[in-house]
C-alpha atoms as a PDB file:
ATOM      1  CA  MET A   1       0.000   0.000   0.000  1.00  0.00           C
ATOM      2  CA  THR A   2       1.408   3.357  -1.060  1.00  0.00           C
ATOM      3  CA  LEU A   3       0.914   6.142   1.455  1.00  0.00           C
ATOM      4  CA  GLU A   4       0.121   9.627   0.200  1.00  0.00           C
ATOM      5  CA  PRO A   5       2.780  12.159   1.220  1.00  0.00           C
ATOM      6  CA  PRO A   6       1.628  14.666   3.823  1.00  0.00           C
ATOM      7  CA  LEU A   7       0.309  17.935   2.531  1.00  0.00           C
ATOM      8  CA  ILE A   8       2.755  20.824   2.414  1.00  0.00           C
ATOM      9  CA  ARG A   9       1.542  23.407   4.910  1.00  0.00           C
ATOM     10  CA  VAL A  10       1.448  26.940   3.509  1.00  0.00           C
ATOM     11  CA  GLY A  11       1.634  30.303   5.219  1.00  0.00           C
ATOM     12  CA  LEU A  12       0.413  33.020   2.865  1.00  0.00           C
ATOM     13  CA  LEU A  13       1.568  36.592   3.429  1.00  0.00           C
ATOM     14  CA  GLY A  14      -0.966  38.993   1.929  1.00  0.00           C
ATOM     15  CA  HIS A  15      -4.540  38.332   0.901  1.00  0.00           C
ATOM     16  CA  GLY A  16      -5.194  41.164  -1.517  1.00  0.00           C
ATOM     17  CA  GLN A  17      -5.243  40.861  -5.288  1.00  0.00           C
ATOM     18  CA  ALA A  18      -2.076  38.753  -5.543  1.00  0.00           C
ATOM     19  CA  GLY A  19      -2.692  36.558  -2.521  1.00  0.00           C
ATOM     20  CA  ALA A  20      -6.442  35.987  -2.601  1.00  0.00           C
ATOM     21  CA  ILE A  21      -7.103  36.051  -6.336  1.00  0.00           C
ATOM     22  CA  LEU A  22      -3.952  34.531  -7.838  1.00  0.00           C
ATOM     23  CA  HIS A  23      -1.828  32.529  -5.404  1.00  0.00           C
ATOM     24  CA  ALA A  24      -4.384  30.978  -3.049  1.00  0.00           C
ATOM     25  CA  PRO A  25      -6.649  29.400  -5.708  1.00  0.00           C
ATOM     26  CA  LEU A  26      -3.614  28.011  -7.562  1.00  0.00           C
ATOM     27  CA  ILE A  27      -2.186  26.573  -4.334  1.00  0.00           C
ATOM     28  CA  GLU A  28      -5.536  24.939  -3.563  1.00  0.00           C
ATOM     29  CA  ALA A  29      -5.849  23.583  -7.103  1.00  0.00           C
ATOM     30  CA  ALA A  30      -2.401  21.969  -7.087  1.00  0.00           C
ATOM     31  CA  GLY A  31      -3.608  19.371  -4.564  1.00  0.00           C
ATOM     32  CA  ASP A  32      -0.301  19.087  -2.689  1.00  0.00           C
ATOM     33  CA  PHE A  33      -0.838  21.876  -0.184  1.00  0.00           C
ATOM     34  CA  ARG A  34      -2.980  23.064   2.697  1.00  0.00           C
ATOM     35  CA  ILE A  35      -3.089  26.759   3.524  1.00  0.00           C
ATOM     36  CA  THR A  36      -2.855  26.802   7.314  1.00  0.00           C
ATOM     37  CA  ALA A  37      -2.334  30.518   8.027  1.00  0.00           C
ATOM     38  CA  VAL A  38      -2.791  33.828   6.216  1.00  0.00           C
ATOM     39  CA  ALA A  39      -1.305  37.159   7.259  1.00  0.00           C
ATOM     40  CA  THR A  40      -3.962  39.745   6.433  1.00  0.00           C
ATOM     41  CA  SER A  41      -6.117  42.457   7.950  1.00  0.00           C
ATOM     42  CA  ARG A  42      -8.985  41.486   5.651  1.00  0.00           C
ATOM     43  CA  THR A  43     -10.831  39.015   7.878  1.00  0.00           C
ATOM     44  CA  GLU A  44     -13.847  38.752   5.575  1.00  0.00           C
ATOM     45  CA  SER A  45     -11.705  37.658   2.628  1.00  0.00           C
ATOM     46  CA  LEU A  46     -10.738  34.387   4.327  1.00  0.00           C
ATOM     47  CA  ALA A  47     -14.239  33.054   3.663  1.00  0.00           C
ATOM     48  CA  GLU A  48     -12.982  32.420   0.105  1.00  0.00           C
ATOM     49  CA  ARG A  49     -10.406  29.906   1.270  1.00  0.00           C
ATOM     50  CA  ARG A  50     -11.287  26.231   1.106  1.00  0.00           C
ATOM     51  CA  ASP A  51      -8.868  25.158   3.861  1.00  0.00           C
ATOM     52  CA  ALA A  52     -10.317  27.534   6.504  1.00  0.00           C
ATOM     53  CA  PRO A  53      -6.886  28.924   7.475  1.00  0.00           C
ATOM     54  CA  ARG A  54      -6.433  30.974  10.591  1.00  0.00           C
ATOM     55  CA  GLN A  55      -5.813  34.683  10.333  1.00  0.00           C
ATOM     56  CA  GLU A  56      -2.696  36.386  11.638  1.00  0.00           C
ATOM     57  CA  THR A  57      -2.284  40.143  11.525  1.00  0.00           C
ATOM     58  CA  ASP A  58       1.499  39.962  11.950  1.00  0.00           C
ATOM     59  CA  PRO A  59       3.403  38.311   9.065  1.00  0.00           C
ATOM     60  CA  ARG A  60       6.099  37.263  11.538  1.00  0.00           C
ATOM     61  CA  ALA A  61       3.579  34.978  13.277  1.00  0.00           C
ATOM     62  CA  VAL A  62       3.048  33.126   9.999  1.00  0.00           C
ATOM     63  CA  ILE A  63       6.751  32.985   9.189  1.00  0.00           C
ATOM     64  CA  GLU A  64       7.599  31.472  12.583  1.00  0.00           C
ATOM     65  CA  ALA A  65       4.584  29.140  12.868  1.00  0.00           C
ATOM     66  CA  ASP A  66       5.338  25.469  13.535  1.00  0.00           C
ATOM     67  CA  ASP A  67       2.561  24.384  11.161  1.00  0.00           C
ATOM     68  CA  VAL A  68       4.008  26.218   8.135  1.00  0.00           C
ATOM     69  CA  ASP A  69       6.464  24.525   5.755  1.00  0.00           C
ATOM     70  CA  LEU A  70       6.240  26.955   2.830  1.00  0.00           C
ATOM     71  CA  VAL A  71       5.869  30.739   3.019  1.00  0.00           C
ATOM     72  CA  VAL A  72       4.276  32.387  -0.026  1.00  0.00           C
ATOM     73  CA  ILE A  73       4.943  36.121  -0.203  1.00  0.00           C
ATOM     74  CA  ALA A  74       2.224  38.115  -1.969  1.00  0.00           C
ATOM     75  CA  THR A  75       2.782  41.488  -0.326  1.00  0.00           C
ATOM     76  CA  PRO A  76       3.837  44.882  -1.785  1.00  0.00           C
ATOM     77  CA  ASN A  77       7.161  44.824  -3.633  1.00  0.00           C
ATOM     78  CA  ALA A  78       9.131  46.707  -0.996  1.00  0.00           C
ATOM     79  CA  LEU A  79       8.457  43.956   1.582  1.00  0.00           C
ATOM     80  CA  HIS A  80       9.555  40.960  -0.489  1.00  0.00           C
ATOM     81  CA  VAL A  81      13.220  40.808   0.478  1.00  0.00           C
ATOM     82  CA  GLU A  82      12.758  41.386   4.217  1.00  0.00           C
ATOM     83  CA  GLN A  83       9.997  38.782   4.469  1.00  0.00           C
ATOM     84  CA  ALA A  84      11.751  36.217   2.275  1.00  0.00           C
ATOM     85  CA  ALA A  85      14.947  36.563   4.315  1.00  0.00           C
ATOM     86  CA  ALA A  86      13.014  36.092   7.562  1.00  0.00           C
ATOM     87  CA  ALA A  87      11.237  33.005   6.214  1.00  0.00           C
ATOM     88  CA  LEU A  88      14.451  31.403   4.976  1.00  0.00           C
ATOM     89  CA  ALA A  89      16.149  32.173   8.293  1.00  0.00           C
ATOM     90  CA  ALA A  90      13.240  30.397  10.009  1.00  0.00           C
ATOM     91  CA  GLY A  91      13.917  27.291   7.896  1.00  0.00           C
ATOM     92  CA  LYS A  92      10.929  27.652   5.561  1.00  0.00           C
ATOM     93  CA  HIS A  93      10.724  27.064   1.839  1.00  0.00           C
ATOM     94  CA  VAL A  94       9.775  30.282   0.035  1.00  0.00           C
ATOM     95  CA  VAL A  95       7.792  31.434  -2.999  1.00  0.00           C
ATOM     96  CA  VAL A  96       8.139  35.149  -3.732  1.00  0.00           C
ATOM     97  CA  ASP A  97       5.794  36.986  -6.054  1.00  0.00           C
ATOM     98  CA  LYS A  98       7.611  38.995  -8.700  1.00  0.00           C
ATOM     99  CA  PRO A  99       9.598  41.141  -8.518  1.00  0.00           C
ATOM    100  CA  PHE A 100      11.856  38.840  -6.546  1.00  0.00           C
ATOM    101  CA  ALA A 101      13.888  41.810  -5.277  1.00  0.00           C
ATOM    102  CA  LEU A 102      14.539  45.411  -6.273  1.00  0.00           C
ATOM    103  CA  SER A 103      18.325  45.054  -6.537  1.00  0.00           C
ATOM    104  CA  VAL A 104      20.829  42.432  -7.598  1.00  0.00           C
ATOM    105  CA  ALA A 105      22.513  42.730  -4.197  1.00  0.00           C
ATOM    106  CA  ASP A 106      19.285  41.749  -2.410  1.00  0.00           C
ATOM    107  CA  ALA A 107      18.643  38.920  -4.875  1.00  0.00           C
ATOM    108  CA  ASP A 108      22.128  37.553  -4.221  1.00  0.00           C
ATOM    109  CA  ARG A 109      21.541  37.776  -0.467  1.00  0.00           C
ATOM    110  CA  LEU A 110      18.382  35.670  -0.698  1.00  0.00           C
ATOM    111  CA  ILE A 111      19.964  33.096  -3.004  1.00  0.00           C
ATOM    112  CA  THR A 112      22.939  32.722  -0.662  1.00  0.00           C
ATOM    113  CA  LEU A 113      20.659  32.348   2.361  1.00  0.00           C
ATOM    114  CA  ALA A 114      18.489  29.708   0.640  1.00  0.00           C
ATOM    115  CA  ASN A 115      21.574  27.699  -0.272  1.00  0.00           C
ATOM    116  CA  ALA A 116      22.938  27.945   3.260  1.00  0.00           C
ATOM    117  CA  LYS A 117      19.633  26.769   4.748  1.00  0.00           C
ATOM    118  CA  GLY A 118      19.037  24.071   2.111  1.00  0.00           C
ATOM    119  CA  ARG A 119      15.567  25.445   1.371  1.00  0.00           C
ATOM    120  CA  THR A 120      13.664  25.752  -1.895  1.00  0.00           C
ATOM    121  CA  LEU A 121      13.460  29.363  -3.097  1.00  0.00           C
ATOM    122  CA  THR A 122      11.540  30.271  -6.222  1.00  0.00           C
ATOM    123  CA  VAL A 123       9.765  33.222  -7.838  1.00  0.00           C
ATOM    124  CA  PHE A 124       6.214  33.402  -9.184  1.00  0.00           C
ATOM    125  CA  HIS A 125       6.953  34.184 -12.825  1.00  0.00           C
ATOM    126  CA  ASN A 126       3.631  32.678 -13.866  1.00  0.00           C
ATOM    127  CA  ARG A 127       3.755  34.337 -17.287  1.00  0.00           C
ATOM    128  CA  ARG A 128       6.254  31.696 -18.408  1.00  0.00           C
ATOM    129  CA  LEU A 129       3.190  29.429 -18.421  1.00  0.00           C
ATOM    130  CA  ASP A 130       0.925  31.710 -20.473  1.00  0.00           C
ATOM    131  CA  GLY A 131      -0.574  30.025 -23.505  1.00  0.00           C
ATOM    132  CA  ASP A 132       0.404  32.832 -25.877  1.00  0.00           C
ATOM    133  CA  PHE A 133       4.008  32.847 -24.660  1.00  0.00           C
ATOM    134  CA  LEU A 134       4.253  29.077 -25.067  1.00  0.00           C
ATOM    135  CA  GLY A 135       2.715  29.433 -28.534  1.00  0.00           C
ATOM    136  CA  VAL A 136       5.208  32.047 -29.717  1.00  0.00           C
ATOM    137  CA  LYS A 137       8.048  30.072 -28.139  1.00  0.00           C
ATOM    138  CA  GLN A 138       7.010  27.004 -30.134  1.00  0.00           C
ATOM    139  CA  ALA A 139       6.632  29.019 -33.351  1.00  0.00           C
ATOM    140  CA  ILE A 140      10.196  30.321 -33.011  1.00  0.00           C
ATOM    141  CA  ALA A 141      11.606  26.895 -32.117  1.00  0.00           C
ATOM    142  CA  SER A 142       9.799  25.192 -35.026  1.00  0.00           C
ATOM    143  CA  GLY A 143      11.725  27.173 -37.640  1.00  0.00           C
ATOM    144  CA  ASP A 144       8.499  28.303 -39.342  1.00  0.00           C
ATOM    145  CA  LEU A 145       9.632  31.922 -39.029  1.00  0.00           C
ATOM    146  CA  GLY A 146      13.197  31.387 -40.181  1.00  0.00           C
ATOM    147  CA  ASP A 147      15.712  33.620 -38.428  1.00  0.00           C
ATOM    148  CA  VAL A 148      13.847  35.977 -36.097  1.00  0.00           C
ATOM    149  CA  LEU A 149      15.228  39.488 -36.504  1.00  0.00           C
ATOM    150  CA  LEU A 150      12.538  41.538 -34.756  1.00  0.00           C
ATOM    151  CA  PHE A 151      10.615  40.462 -31.674  1.00  0.00           C
ATOM    152  CA  GLU A 152       8.030  42.724 -30.064  1.00  0.00           C
ATOM    153  CA  SER A 153       6.410  42.049 -26.708  1.00  0.00           C
ATOM    154  CA  ARG A 154       3.874  44.725 -25.758  1.00  0.00           C
ATOM    155  CA  TRP A 155       1.468  44.902 -22.850  1.00  0.00           C
ATOM    156  CA  ASP A 156      -1.023  47.659 -23.558  1.00  0.00           C
ATOM    157  CA  ARG A 157      -3.693  48.815 -21.131  1.00  0.00           C
ATOM    158  CA  PHE A 158      -6.030  51.785 -20.980  1.00  0.00           C
ATOM    159  CA  ARG A 159      -6.014  53.121 -17.437  1.00  0.00           C
ATOM    160  CA  PRO A 160      -6.007  56.931 -17.695  1.00  0.00           C
ATOM    161  CA  VAL A 161      -6.257  57.427 -13.915  1.00  0.00           C
ATOM    162  CA  PRO A 162      -3.356  56.165 -11.784  1.00  0.00           C
ATOM    163  CA  PRO A 163      -4.390  53.817  -8.969  1.00  0.00           C
ATOM    164  CA  HIS A 164      -4.435  54.920  -5.352  1.00  0.00           C
ATOM    165  CA  SER A 165      -2.130  52.141  -4.223  1.00  0.00           C
ATOM    166  CA  TRP A 166       1.479  51.259  -3.522  1.00  0.00           C
ATOM    167  CA  LYS A 167       1.889  50.611  -7.265  1.00  0.00           C
ATOM    168  CA  ASN A 168       1.782  54.390  -7.821  1.00  0.00           C
ATOM    169  CA  THR A 169       4.381  55.607  -5.357  1.00  0.00           C
ATOM    170  CA  SER A 170       7.639  57.501  -5.673  1.00  0.00           C
ATOM    171  CA  GLU A 171       9.505  55.065  -3.443  1.00  0.00           C
ATOM    172  CA  GLY A 172      10.989  53.081  -6.333  1.00  0.00           C
ATOM    173  CA  SER A 173       9.067  49.863  -5.680  1.00  0.00           C
ATOM    174  CA  GLY A 174       6.067  50.575  -7.911  1.00  0.00           C
ATOM    175  CA  GLY A 175       5.935  51.485 -11.565  1.00  0.00           C
ATOM    176  CA  VAL A 176       5.024  49.546 -14.649  1.00  0.00           C
ATOM    177  CA  LEU A 177       8.596  48.425 -15.342  1.00  0.00           C
ATOM    178  CA  TRP A 178       8.810  46.517 -12.045  1.00  0.00           C
ATOM    179  CA  ASP A 179       5.214  45.317 -12.508  1.00  0.00           C
ATOM    180  CA  LEU A 180       4.648  44.251 -16.122  1.00  0.00           C
ATOM    181  CA  GLY A 181       8.234  44.754 -17.177  1.00  0.00           C
ATOM    182  CA  ALA A 182       9.473  42.004 -14.866  1.00  0.00           C
ATOM    183  CA  HIS A 183       7.355  39.537 -16.841  1.00  0.00           C
ATOM    184  CA  LEU A 184       8.342  40.868 -20.265  1.00  0.00           C
ATOM    185  CA  VAL A 185      12.054  40.891 -19.457  1.00  0.00           C
ATOM    186  CA  ASP A 186      11.870  37.388 -17.990  1.00  0.00           C
ATOM    187  CA  GLN A 187      10.110  36.062 -21.106  1.00  0.00           C
ATOM    188  CA  ALA A 188      12.664  37.708 -23.399  1.00  0.00           C
ATOM    189  CA  LEU A 189      15.583  36.215 -21.476  1.00  0.00           C
ATOM    190  CA  GLN A 190      13.913  32.806 -21.619  1.00  0.00           C
ATOM    191  CA  LEU A 191      13.676  33.080 -25.404  1.00  0.00           C
ATOM    192  CA  PHE A 192      16.941  34.750 -26.323  1.00  0.00           C
ATOM    193  CA  GLY A 193      19.265  34.859 -23.307  1.00  0.00           C
ATOM    194  CA  PRO A 194      21.251  37.919 -22.198  1.00  0.00           C
ATOM    195  CA  PRO A 195      21.366  40.754 -24.770  1.00  0.00           C
ATOM    196  CA  ASP A 196      24.472  42.436 -26.126  1.00  0.00           C
ATOM    197  CA  HIS A 197      23.151  45.894 -25.300  1.00  0.00           C
ATOM    198  CA  VAL A 198      20.077  47.557 -23.795  1.00  0.00           C
ATOM    199  CA  THR A 199      18.503  50.962 -24.394  1.00  0.00           C
ATOM    200  CA  ALA A 200      15.661  52.265 -22.249  1.00  0.00           C
ATOM    201  CA  ASP A 201      12.935  54.904 -22.449  1.00  0.00           C
ATOM    202  CA  LEU A 202      10.740  55.467 -19.384  1.00  0.00           C
ATOM    203  CA  ALA A 203       8.003  58.049 -18.906  1.00  0.00           C
ATOM    204  CA  TRP A 204       5.463  59.345 -16.407  1.00  0.00           C
ATOM    205  CA  GLN A 205       2.623  60.167 -18.808  1.00  0.00           C
ATOM    206  CA  ARG A 206      -0.593  60.322 -16.772  1.00  0.00           C
ATOM    207  CA  GLU A 207      -1.558  63.251 -14.624  1.00  0.00           C
ATOM    208  CA  ASP A 208      -0.800  62.443 -10.966  1.00  0.00           C
ATOM    209  CA  ALA A 209       1.499  59.558 -11.942  1.00  0.00           C
ATOM    210  CA  VAL A 210       4.423  59.426  -9.521  1.00  0.00           C
ATOM    211  CA  SER A 211       5.895  56.158 -10.800  1.00  0.00           C
ATOM    212  CA  ASP A 212       6.701  55.175 -14.358  1.00  0.00           C
ATOM    213  CA  ASP A 213       3.598  54.260 -16.389  1.00  0.00           C
ATOM    214  CA  TYR A 214       5.310  53.773 -19.759  1.00  0.00           C
ATOM    215  CA  PHE A 215       8.481  52.066 -20.876  1.00  0.00           C
ATOM    216  CA  GLU A 216      10.121  50.779 -24.016  1.00  0.00           C
ATOM    217  CA  LEU A 217      13.273  48.710 -23.818  1.00  0.00           C
ATOM    218  CA  THR A 218      15.286  47.629 -26.838  1.00  0.00           C
ATOM    219  CA  LEU A 219      17.418  44.542 -26.332  1.00  0.00           C
ATOM    220  CA  ARG A 220      20.043  44.065 -29.041  1.00  0.00           C
ATOM    221  CA  TYR A 221      21.264  40.628 -30.090  1.00  0.00           C
ATOM    222  CA  GLY A 222      23.625  41.262 -32.999  1.00  0.00           C
ATOM    223  CA  ALA A 223      21.348  42.297 -35.876  1.00  0.00           C
ATOM    224  CA  MET A 224      18.204  41.163 -34.020  1.00  0.00           C
ATOM    225  CA  ARG A 225      16.119  43.614 -32.015  1.00  0.00           C
ATOM    226  CA  CYS A 226      13.812  42.674 -29.166  1.00  0.00           C
ATOM    227  CA  ILE A 227      11.419  45.463 -28.132  1.00  0.00           C
ATOM    228  CA  LEU A 228       9.631  45.272 -24.792  1.00  0.00           C
ATOM    229  CA  SER A 229       6.992  47.888 -24.065  1.00  0.00           C
ATOM    230  CA  ALA A 230       4.070  48.667 -21.773  1.00  0.00           C
ATOM    231  CA  SER A 231       1.713  51.638 -21.672  1.00  0.00           C
ATOM    232  CA  CYS A 232      -1.300  52.605 -19.582  1.00  0.00           C
ATOM    233  CA  LEU A 233      -2.761  54.834 -22.319  1.00  0.00           C
ATOM    234  CA  VAL A 234      -3.414  52.522 -25.270  1.00  0.00           C
ATOM    235  CA  ALA A 235      -7.132  51.928 -25.860  1.00  0.00           C
ATOM    236  CA  ALA A 236      -6.589  49.999 -29.117  1.00  0.00           C
ATOM    237  CA  ALA A 237      -4.095  47.343 -28.085  1.00  0.00           C
ATOM    238  CA  ARG A 238      -1.400  46.196 -30.475  1.00  0.00           C
ATOM    239  CA  PRO A 239      -0.419  42.518 -30.850  1.00  0.00           C
ATOM    240  CA  ARG A 240       0.741  41.111 -27.533  1.00  0.00           C
ATOM    241  CA  PHE A 241       3.572  39.250 -29.237  1.00  0.00           C
ATOM    242  CA  ALA A 242       4.934  39.803 -32.737  1.00  0.00           C
ATOM    243  CA  ALA A 243       7.869  37.680 -33.915  1.00  0.00           C
ATOM    244  CA  HIS A 244       9.144  38.607 -37.370  1.00  0.00           C
ATOM    245  CA  GLY A 245      11.589  36.368 -39.204  1.00  0.00           C
ATOM    246  CA  THR A 246      13.064  35.702 -42.619  1.00  0.00           C
ATOM    247  CA  HIS A 247      10.224  33.262 -43.460  1.00  0.00           C
ATOM    248  CA  GLY A 248       7.277  35.043 -41.879  1.00  0.00           C
ATOM    249  CA  SER A 249       5.643  36.515 -38.788  1.00  0.00           C
ATOM    250  CA  PHE A 250       3.766  35.108 -35.812  1.00  0.00           C
ATOM    251  CA  LEU A 251       1.319  37.358 -33.953  1.00  0.00           C
ATOM    252  CA  THR A 252      -0.798  36.889 -30.851  1.00  0.00           C
ATOM    253  CA  PHE A 253      -3.622  39.107 -29.596  1.00  0.00           C
ATOM    254  CA  GLY A 254      -4.875  39.777 -26.082  1.00  0.00           C
ATOM    255  CA  VAL A 255      -3.556  38.161 -22.896  1.00  0.00           C
ATOM    256  CA  ASP A 256      -3.924  34.722 -21.412  1.00  0.00           C
ATOM    257  CA  PRO A 257      -7.482  34.432 -20.007  1.00  0.00           C
ATOM    258  CA  ILE A 258      -6.521  32.695 -16.746  1.00  0.00           C
ATOM    259  CA  GLU A 259      -6.167  35.910 -14.754  1.00  0.00           C
ATOM    260  CA  ALA A 260      -9.556  37.229 -15.883  1.00  0.00           C
ATOM    261  CA  ALA A 261     -11.157  33.928 -14.865  1.00  0.00           C
ATOM    262  CA  LEU A 262      -9.524  34.119 -11.430  1.00  0.00           C
ATOM    263  CA  HIS A 263     -10.680  37.716 -10.995  1.00  0.00           C
ATOM    264  CA  ALA A 264     -14.196  36.507 -11.805  1.00  0.00           C
ATOM    265  CA  ARG A 265     -13.764  34.168  -8.799  1.00  0.00           C
ATOM    266  CA  ARG A 266     -13.780  31.020 -10.892  1.00  0.00           C
ATOM    267  CA  HIS A 267     -11.639  28.400  -9.200  1.00  0.00           C
ATOM    268  CA  PRO A 268      -9.068  26.286 -11.120  1.00  0.00           C
ATOM    269  CA  GLN A 269     -10.121  23.305  -8.993  1.00  0.00           C
ATOM    270  CA  ASP A 270     -13.586  23.431 -10.546  1.00  0.00           C
ATOM    271  CA  PRO A 271     -14.059  20.648 -13.133  1.00  0.00           C
ATOM    272  CA  ASP A 272     -15.177  23.064 -15.869  1.00  0.00           C
ATOM    273  CA  PHE A 273     -12.490  25.713 -15.272  1.00  0.00           C
ATOM    274  CA  VAL A 274     -10.332  24.805 -18.272  1.00  0.00           C
ATOM    275  CA  ALA A 275     -13.291  24.124 -20.569  1.00  0.00           C
ATOM    276  CA  HIS A 276     -14.579  27.662 -20.090  1.00  0.00           C
ATOM    277  CA  LEU A 277     -11.270  29.420 -20.763  1.00  0.00           C
ATOM    278  CA  PRO A 278     -11.375  31.126 -24.183  1.00  0.00           C
ATOM    279  CA  THR A 279      -8.581  30.483 -26.636  1.00  0.00           C
ATOM    280  CA  ILE A 280      -6.052  33.165 -27.569  1.00  0.00           C
ATOM    281  CA  PRO A 281      -6.170  34.479 -31.175  1.00  0.00           C
ATOM    282  CA  ALA A 282      -2.942  34.176 -33.139  1.00  0.00           C
ATOM    283  CA  ALA A 283      -1.803  34.260 -36.748  1.00  0.00           C
ATOM    284  CA  LEU A 284       1.067  32.889 -38.811  1.00  0.00           C
ATOM    285  CA  VAL A 285       1.730  35.190 -41.760  1.00  0.00           C
ATOM    286  CA  ARG A 286       3.959  34.128 -44.642  1.00  0.00           C
ATOM    287  CA  SER A 287       4.236  34.896 -48.330  1.00  0.00           C
ATOM    288  CA  ALA A 288       1.612  32.226 -49.085  1.00  0.00           C
ATOM    289  CA  GLY A 289      -0.936  34.024 -46.904  1.00  0.00           C
ATOM    290  CA  ARG A 290      -2.252  34.337 -43.386  1.00  0.00           C
ATOM    291  CA  GLU A 291      -3.161  31.327 -41.258  1.00  0.00           C
ATOM    292  CA  GLU A 292      -5.398  32.108 -38.272  1.00  0.00           C
ATOM    293  CA  ARG A 293      -4.763  30.070 -35.153  1.00  0.00           C
ATOM    294  CA  GLN A 294      -6.235  29.676 -31.678  1.00  0.00           C
ATOM    295  CA  LEU A 295      -3.863  29.013 -28.789  1.00  0.00           C
ATOM    296  CA  PRO A 296      -4.991  27.230 -25.619  1.00  0.00           C
ATOM    297  CA  ALA A 297      -4.773  29.043 -22.314  1.00  0.00           C
ATOM    298  CA  GLY A 298      -1.861  28.254 -20.054  1.00  0.00           C
ATOM    299  CA  ASP A 299      -1.780  26.284 -16.811  1.00  0.00           C
ATOM    300  CA  TRP A 300      -0.592  28.401 -13.885  1.00  0.00           C
ATOM    301  CA  ALA A 301      -1.328  25.691 -11.318  1.00  0.00           C
ATOM    302  CA  ARG A 302       1.588  23.784 -12.846  1.00  0.00           C
ATOM    303  CA  PHE A 303       3.869  26.239 -11.066  1.00  0.00           C
ATOM    304  CA  TYR A 304       2.738  24.982  -7.666  1.00  0.00           C
ATOM    305  CA  ARG A 305       2.820  21.348  -8.726  1.00  0.00           C
ATOM    306  CA  GLN A 306       6.484  21.913  -9.586  1.00  0.00           C
ATOM    307  CA  VAL A 307       7.038  23.656  -6.248  1.00  0.00           C
ATOM    308  CA  ALA A 308       5.713  20.525  -4.530  1.00  0.00           C
ATOM    309  CA  ALA A 309       8.096  18.321  -6.541  1.00  0.00           C
ATOM    310  CA  ALA A 310      11.015  20.592  -5.628  1.00  0.00           C
ATOM    311  CA  ILE A 311      10.218  20.440  -1.908  1.00  0.00           C
ATOM    312  CA  ARG A 312       9.395  16.728  -1.712  1.00  0.00           C
ATOM    313  CA  GLU A 313      11.716  15.186  -4.271  1.00  0.00           C
ATOM    314  CA  GLY A 314      14.501  17.690  -4.797  1.00  0.00           C
ATOM    315  CA  PHE A 315      13.575  18.582  -8.368  1.00  0.00           C
ATOM    316  CA  PRO A 316      14.650  21.999  -9.669  1.00  0.00           C
ATOM    317  CA  PRO A 317      12.199  24.753  -8.714  1.00  0.00           C
ATOM    318  CA  PRO A 318       9.836  25.964 -11.455  1.00  0.00           C
ATOM    319  CA  VAL A 319      11.749  29.262 -11.631  1.00  0.00           C
ATOM    320  CA  ASP A 320      15.435  29.354 -10.726  1.00  0.00           C
ATOM    321  CA  PRO A 321      16.106  32.512  -8.669  1.00  0.00           C
ATOM    322  CA  ARG A 322      19.505  32.814 -10.373  1.00  0.00           C
ATOM    323  CA  GLU A 323      17.657  33.384 -13.646  1.00  0.00           C
ATOM    324  CA  VAL A 324      15.463  36.010 -12.007  1.00  0.00           C
ATOM    325  CA  ARG A 325      18.608  37.735 -10.738  1.00  0.00           C
ATOM    326  CA  GLU A 326      19.369  38.495 -14.395  1.00  0.00           C
ATOM    327  CA  VAL A 327      15.887  39.993 -14.841  1.00  0.00           C
ATOM    328  CA  ILE A 328      16.555  42.328 -11.917  1.00  0.00           C
ATOM    329  CA  ALA A 329      19.992  43.243 -13.292  1.00  0.00           C
ATOM    330  CA  LEU A 330      18.474  44.230 -16.628  1.00  0.00           C
ATOM    331  CA  ILE A 331      15.717  46.311 -15.001  1.00  0.00           C
ATOM    332  CA  GLU A 332      18.283  48.050 -12.783  1.00  0.00           C
ATOM    333  CA  GLN A 333      20.289  48.770 -15.917  1.00  0.00           C
ATOM    334  CA  ALA A 334      17.209  50.195 -17.663  1.00  0.00           C
ATOM    335  CA  TYR A 335      16.437  52.569 -14.778  1.00  0.00           C
ATOM    336  CA  ALA A 336      20.065  53.704 -14.747  1.00  0.00           C
ATOM    337  CA  LYS A 337      20.076  54.350 -18.493  1.00  0.00           C
ATOM    338  CA  ALA A 338      16.834  56.313 -18.176  1.00  0.00           C
ATOM    339  CA  GLY A 339      18.398  58.436 -15.437  1.00  0.00           C
ATOM    340  CA  ARG A 340      16.253  57.091 -12.595  1.00  0.00           C
END
């Protein structure tokens, strides 16, 4: 008779948009975990949790709890490093929402601490599992496009009024480059590796914006150009991905529908969750014509299944923090080039 391994006990720090809407449902859906404690001031929000975790108002109480094996950090960016360091020091495994850290020095400190403690440390770069990203990755790898010489990754939104939140602060931990840019840079490095050179253009375009709400980075790889961009003032969105090569182009439109489904409070554990996710429009364009395609949505719960395998069986974590260190280095470089 094979015994089921014990559930990995999770302490979740933060139960706002990231914690309650993204992380917690994915943790519950993975099947390997039980959320035992949540650090939050939002008592009413815990009714959404299927494991009936207890509430703690002090994150330290969760970090130091005897019934917590894994600490998941879904708090504002400026708190990530301090809380991750405390959790690792307490002997816990750690998942940090992106951005992992706001400096290479802090990223190195966490990586060194995780190695010293022998704990799993990983970063929630869920956009590696987006259906459109996997589709464009496959199109490039297949050779259908020939040699890719221009790659554009754009995340357009229309939000003319800046939010009243920590994401619009002058403290250096908000801004669209740390928010969306962390995903776009990570995806680019996954596809093409470190660039030869980077140029950066950042702007504060909206009235009352105190953190960057526009950026365009150009990553140079020899003759190839990779353009990463995000804006809060584009009502008619451009293709999300556009890969242009010597044999043709591959385009995708819109974003992976998983996040919208989670915001609608649909749960990935529900049997019809995947069936109700819309596909993602795409197109392969070559000299013979245009071929419309539909890409399946991604599977973000896979991230936590891989976290479980890393903790229980010693497999590599789903996202190596050493790779994310390079994302942080490139973003630091972009801010420096833009004079910020």
